[in-house]
N, C-alpha and C. Protein backbone atom coordinates (compact mmCIF):
# COMPACT_ATOMS: atom_id res chain seq x y z
N MET A 1 23.26 -4.62 7.34
CA MET A 1 23.11 -5.64 6.65
C MET A 1 23.43 -6.46 6.29
N CYS A 2 22.68 -7.73 5.55
CA CYS A 2 23.15 -9.06 5.76
C CYS A 2 23.43 -9.18 4.20
N THR A 3 23.72 -10.10 3.89
CA THR A 3 24.30 -10.36 2.58
C THR A 3 23.78 -11.85 2.63
N PHE A 4 23.26 -12.44 1.54
CA PHE A 4 22.81 -13.41 1.25
C PHE A 4 23.52 -14.40 -0.27
N ARG A 5 23.34 -14.93 -0.73
CA ARG A 5 24.11 -15.35 -2.17
C ARG A 5 22.86 -16.81 -2.47
N ILE A 6 22.39 -16.70 -3.46
CA ILE A 6 20.76 -16.79 -3.44
C ILE A 6 21.33 -17.56 -5.13
N SER A 7 20.23 -18.61 -5.34
CA SER A 7 20.73 -18.65 -7.09
C SER A 7 18.95 -19.10 -7.89
N LEU A 8 18.74 -17.93 -8.81
CA LEU A 8 18.04 -18.18 -9.23
C LEU A 8 18.24 -18.65 -11.02
N ASP A 9 16.61 -18.98 -11.36
CA ASP A 9 17.08 -18.98 -13.19
C ASP A 9 16.88 -17.71 -14.22
N ASP A 10 18.15 -18.52 -14.54
CA ASP A 10 18.39 -17.39 -15.68
C ASP A 10 17.62 -16.64 -16.36
N LYS A 11 17.04 -17.90 -17.10
CA LYS A 11 15.73 -17.41 -17.98
C LYS A 11 14.81 -16.15 -17.32
N LEU A 12 14.48 -16.57 -15.83
CA LEU A 12 13.02 -16.03 -15.27
C LEU A 12 14.19 -14.60 -15.02
N VAL A 13 15.25 -14.44 -14.74
CA VAL A 13 15.51 -13.66 -14.70
C VAL A 13 15.48 -11.98 -15.60
N ASN A 14 16.48 -13.03 -16.49
CA ASN A 14 16.73 -11.81 -17.37
C ASN A 14 14.82 -11.40 -18.21
N SER A 15 14.16 -12.54 -17.99
CA SER A 15 12.91 -11.92 -18.79
C SER A 15 12.33 -10.82 -17.80
N ALA A 16 12.49 -11.32 -16.66
CA ALA A 16 12.31 -9.67 -15.45
C ALA A 16 13.36 -8.30 -15.57
N ARG A 17 14.61 -8.62 -16.49
CA ARG A 17 15.52 -7.83 -16.15
C ARG A 17 15.22 -6.45 -17.27
N MET A 18 13.90 -6.65 -18.22
CA MET A 18 13.36 -6.40 -19.28
C MET A 18 12.73 -4.97 -19.10
N SER A 19 12.11 -5.08 -17.78
CA SER A 19 10.95 -4.63 -16.42
C SER A 19 11.73 -2.94 -15.98
N PHE A 20 12.73 -3.03 -15.80
CA PHE A 20 14.08 -2.15 -14.64
C PHE A 20 14.70 -1.12 -16.04
N HIS A 21 15.50 -0.29 -15.17
CA HIS A 21 15.52 0.71 -16.35
C HIS A 21 17.60 -0.17 -16.41
N ASP A 22 18.29 -0.16 -14.88
CA ASP A 22 18.89 -0.65 -14.92
C ASP A 22 19.30 -2.48 -13.97
N ASP A 23 20.54 -2.95 -13.70
CA ASP A 23 20.26 -3.86 -12.68
C ASP A 23 20.32 -3.12 -11.22
N ASN A 24 20.53 -1.90 -10.89
CA ASN A 24 20.35 -1.52 -10.18
C ASN A 24 19.28 -1.22 -9.29
N ARG A 25 18.16 -1.24 -10.40
CA ARG A 25 16.86 -1.00 -10.04
C ARG A 25 16.41 -2.51 -9.30
N MET A 26 16.78 -2.83 -10.14
CA MET A 26 16.06 -5.01 -10.16
C MET A 26 17.08 -5.03 -9.20
N THR A 27 17.97 -5.03 -8.77
CA THR A 27 18.39 -5.13 -7.56
C THR A 27 17.66 -4.58 -5.80
N LEU A 28 17.70 -3.13 -6.39
CA LEU A 28 16.81 -2.64 -5.17
C LEU A 28 15.22 -3.07 -4.52
N TRP A 29 14.90 -3.20 -5.73
CA TRP A 29 13.73 -3.90 -5.76
C TRP A 29 13.46 -5.56 -5.34
N MET A 30 14.55 -5.87 -5.32
CA MET A 30 14.37 -7.44 -5.08
C MET A 30 14.64 -7.12 -3.43
N GLU A 31 15.23 -6.54 -3.17
CA GLU A 31 16.10 -6.00 -1.77
C GLU A 31 14.49 -5.73 -0.83
N GLU A 32 14.14 -4.81 -0.93
CA GLU A 32 12.68 -4.26 -1.04
C GLU A 32 11.57 -5.34 -0.78
N THR A 33 11.07 -6.29 -1.75
CA THR A 33 10.56 -6.63 -2.05
C THR A 33 10.69 -7.73 -0.69
N ILE A 34 11.92 -8.54 -0.96
CA ILE A 34 12.10 -9.45 0.06
C ILE A 34 11.95 -9.01 1.07
N SER A 35 12.30 -7.71 2.06
CA SER A 35 12.49 -7.06 2.79
C SER A 35 10.93 -7.33 3.58
N ALA A 36 10.37 -6.86 2.34
CA ALA A 36 8.66 -6.97 2.89
C ALA A 36 8.08 -8.83 3.53
N ILE A 37 8.86 -9.51 2.07
CA ILE A 37 7.90 -10.90 2.11
C ILE A 37 8.93 -11.48 4.11
N LEU A 38 9.93 -10.78 4.16
CA LEU A 38 10.44 -11.59 5.65
C LEU A 38 9.76 -10.69 6.99
N MET A 39 9.52 -9.40 6.82
CA MET A 39 9.00 -8.91 7.63
C MET A 39 7.14 -9.47 7.99
N ASP A 40 6.57 -10.05 7.12
CA ASP A 40 5.39 -10.48 6.33
C ASP A 40 5.89 -11.95 7.77
N TYR A 41 6.51 -12.35 7.08
CA TYR A 41 6.47 -13.59 7.67
C TYR A 41 7.15 -13.97 9.46
N VAL A 42 7.92 -12.52 9.52
CA VAL A 42 8.23 -12.23 11.23
C VAL A 42 7.44 -12.00 12.04
N SER A 43 6.37 -11.06 11.35
CA SER A 43 5.38 -10.89 12.20
C SER A 43 4.20 -11.72 12.66
N LYS A 44 4.14 -12.45 11.69
CA LYS A 44 2.60 -13.80 11.74
C LYS A 44 3.81 -15.31 12.32
N THR A 45 5.22 -15.22 12.46
CA THR A 45 5.42 -16.24 14.05
C THR A 45 5.79 -16.10 15.28
N GLU A 46 6.02 -14.66 15.21
CA GLU A 46 5.89 -13.91 16.77
C GLU A 46 4.42 -14.30 17.17
N THR A 47 3.27 -13.60 16.56
CA THR A 47 2.47 -13.99 17.42
C THR A 47 1.84 -15.42 17.31
N LYS A 48 2.37 -16.52 16.82
CA LYS A 48 1.83 -17.89 16.57
C LYS A 48 2.93 -18.75 18.33
N SER A 49 3.71 -18.43 18.26
CA SER A 49 5.13 -18.70 19.10
C SER A 49 5.36 -17.63 19.83
N VAL A 50 4.71 -17.04 21.68
CA VAL A 50 5.49 -16.54 22.33
C VAL A 50 5.99 -17.14 23.06
N ARG A 51 7.36 -17.06 23.65
CA ARG A 51 8.29 -17.55 24.09
C ARG A 51 8.23 -17.62 25.20
N ILE A 52 8.14 -17.64 26.16
CA ILE A 52 8.79 -17.46 27.19
C ILE A 52 9.33 -18.20 27.83
N PRO A 53 10.39 -17.27 29.01
CA PRO A 53 11.47 -17.57 28.69
C PRO A 53 11.72 -18.62 30.20
N ARG A 54 12.43 -19.96 30.09
CA ARG A 54 12.21 -21.02 31.27
C ARG A 54 13.98 -20.87 32.02
N LYS A 55 13.87 -20.97 33.06
CA LYS A 55 14.86 -20.53 34.06
C LYS A 55 15.34 -21.50 34.97
N HIS A 56 16.70 -22.18 34.00
CA HIS A 56 17.09 -23.48 34.60
C HIS A 56 17.44 -23.44 35.44
N ASP A 57 17.77 -22.62 36.56
CA ASP A 57 18.31 -22.61 37.90
C ASP A 57 17.33 -23.05 38.54
N ALA A 58 16.67 -21.88 38.31
CA ALA A 58 14.81 -22.73 39.23
C ALA A 58 14.36 -23.55 39.10
N LEU A 59 14.34 -23.95 37.70
CA LEU A 59 13.44 -25.71 37.77
C LEU A 59 14.47 -26.40 38.50
N MET A 60 15.92 -26.12 38.27
CA MET A 60 16.63 -27.08 39.57
C MET A 60 16.12 -27.04 40.63
N GLY A 61 16.13 -26.10 41.16
CA GLY A 61 15.68 -25.49 42.51
C GLY A 61 14.92 -26.05 42.85
N VAL A 62 13.91 -26.43 42.35
CA VAL A 62 12.53 -27.04 42.40
C VAL A 62 12.90 -28.73 42.79
N LEU A 63 13.41 -29.11 42.00
CA LEU A 63 13.60 -30.20 41.96
C LEU A 63 14.86 -30.73 42.72
N SER A 64 15.91 -30.31 43.13
CA SER A 64 16.93 -30.16 43.41
C SER A 64 16.33 -31.36 45.06
N GLY A 65 15.42 -30.98 45.22
CA GLY A 65 14.95 -31.92 47.17
C GLY A 65 14.51 -33.18 47.04
N ALA A 66 14.40 -33.91 45.59
CA ALA A 66 14.30 -35.10 45.53
C ALA A 66 14.81 -35.96 44.00
N PRO A 67 15.79 -35.92 44.01
CA PRO A 67 15.86 -36.35 42.34
C PRO A 67 16.36 -37.58 42.19
N GLU A 68 16.16 -38.11 43.04
CA GLU A 68 16.09 -39.78 42.75
C GLU A 68 14.70 -40.25 42.60
N ILE A 69 13.85 -39.00 42.45
CA ILE A 69 11.95 -39.35 42.50
C ILE A 69 12.01 -40.00 40.41
N ASP A 70 11.34 -40.43 40.37
CA ASP A 70 10.92 -40.77 38.84
C ASP A 70 9.41 -40.28 38.86
N TYR A 71 10.10 -38.73 38.67
CA TYR A 71 8.50 -38.20 38.16
C TYR A 71 7.28 -38.56 37.44
N LYS A 72 7.53 -39.51 35.93
CA LYS A 72 6.74 -39.84 34.97
C LYS A 72 5.88 -41.25 35.81
N ARG A 73 6.57 -41.81 36.63
CA ARG A 73 6.40 -42.69 37.37
C ARG A 73 5.01 -42.48 38.31
N GLU A 74 5.60 -41.88 38.86
CA GLU A 74 4.80 -40.99 39.77
C GLU A 74 3.28 -40.71 39.37
N HIS A 75 3.35 -39.86 38.28
CA HIS A 75 2.28 -39.22 37.79
C HIS A 75 1.78 -39.80 37.33
N LEU A 76 2.28 -41.54 36.97
CA LEU A 76 1.56 -42.53 36.82
C LEU A 76 0.49 -43.02 37.44
N LYS A 77 1.35 -43.05 38.81
CA LYS A 77 0.62 -44.16 40.15
C LYS A 77 -0.17 -43.06 40.32
N GLU A 78 -0.57 -41.65 40.14
CA GLU A 78 -1.24 -40.98 41.17
C GLU A 78 -2.65 -40.93 40.31
N LYS A 79 -2.38 -40.98 38.91
CA LYS A 79 -2.92 -40.95 37.65
C LYS A 79 -4.16 -41.88 38.10
N TYR A 80 -3.51 -42.69 37.88
CA TYR A 80 -4.09 -43.98 37.23
C TYR A 80 -4.12 -45.32 37.93
N GLY A 81 -3.02 -44.61 39.57
CA GLY A 81 -3.66 -45.89 40.18
C GLY A 81 -2.39 -47.27 39.80
N LEU A 82 -1.35 -47.15 39.23
CA LEU A 82 -0.57 -48.47 38.55
C LEU A 82 1.26 -48.25 39.60
């Protein structure tokens, strides 16, 4: 389990503290609430950005035959006749 140090407004915490039997219950509620928020965040970000692993060695093998070629210039020449 991770531990984070966070700062909260004293007045806000004291107002909320009245709703809990003791600080342990308030701490448990905060942990559960933040865990739920993080799970929701992770599930949303994982579906948006599926990461495809890229193999550097494989790419270097493809490009190793002609490292002196300026690929951007070649692309522009082929596409636009520049």
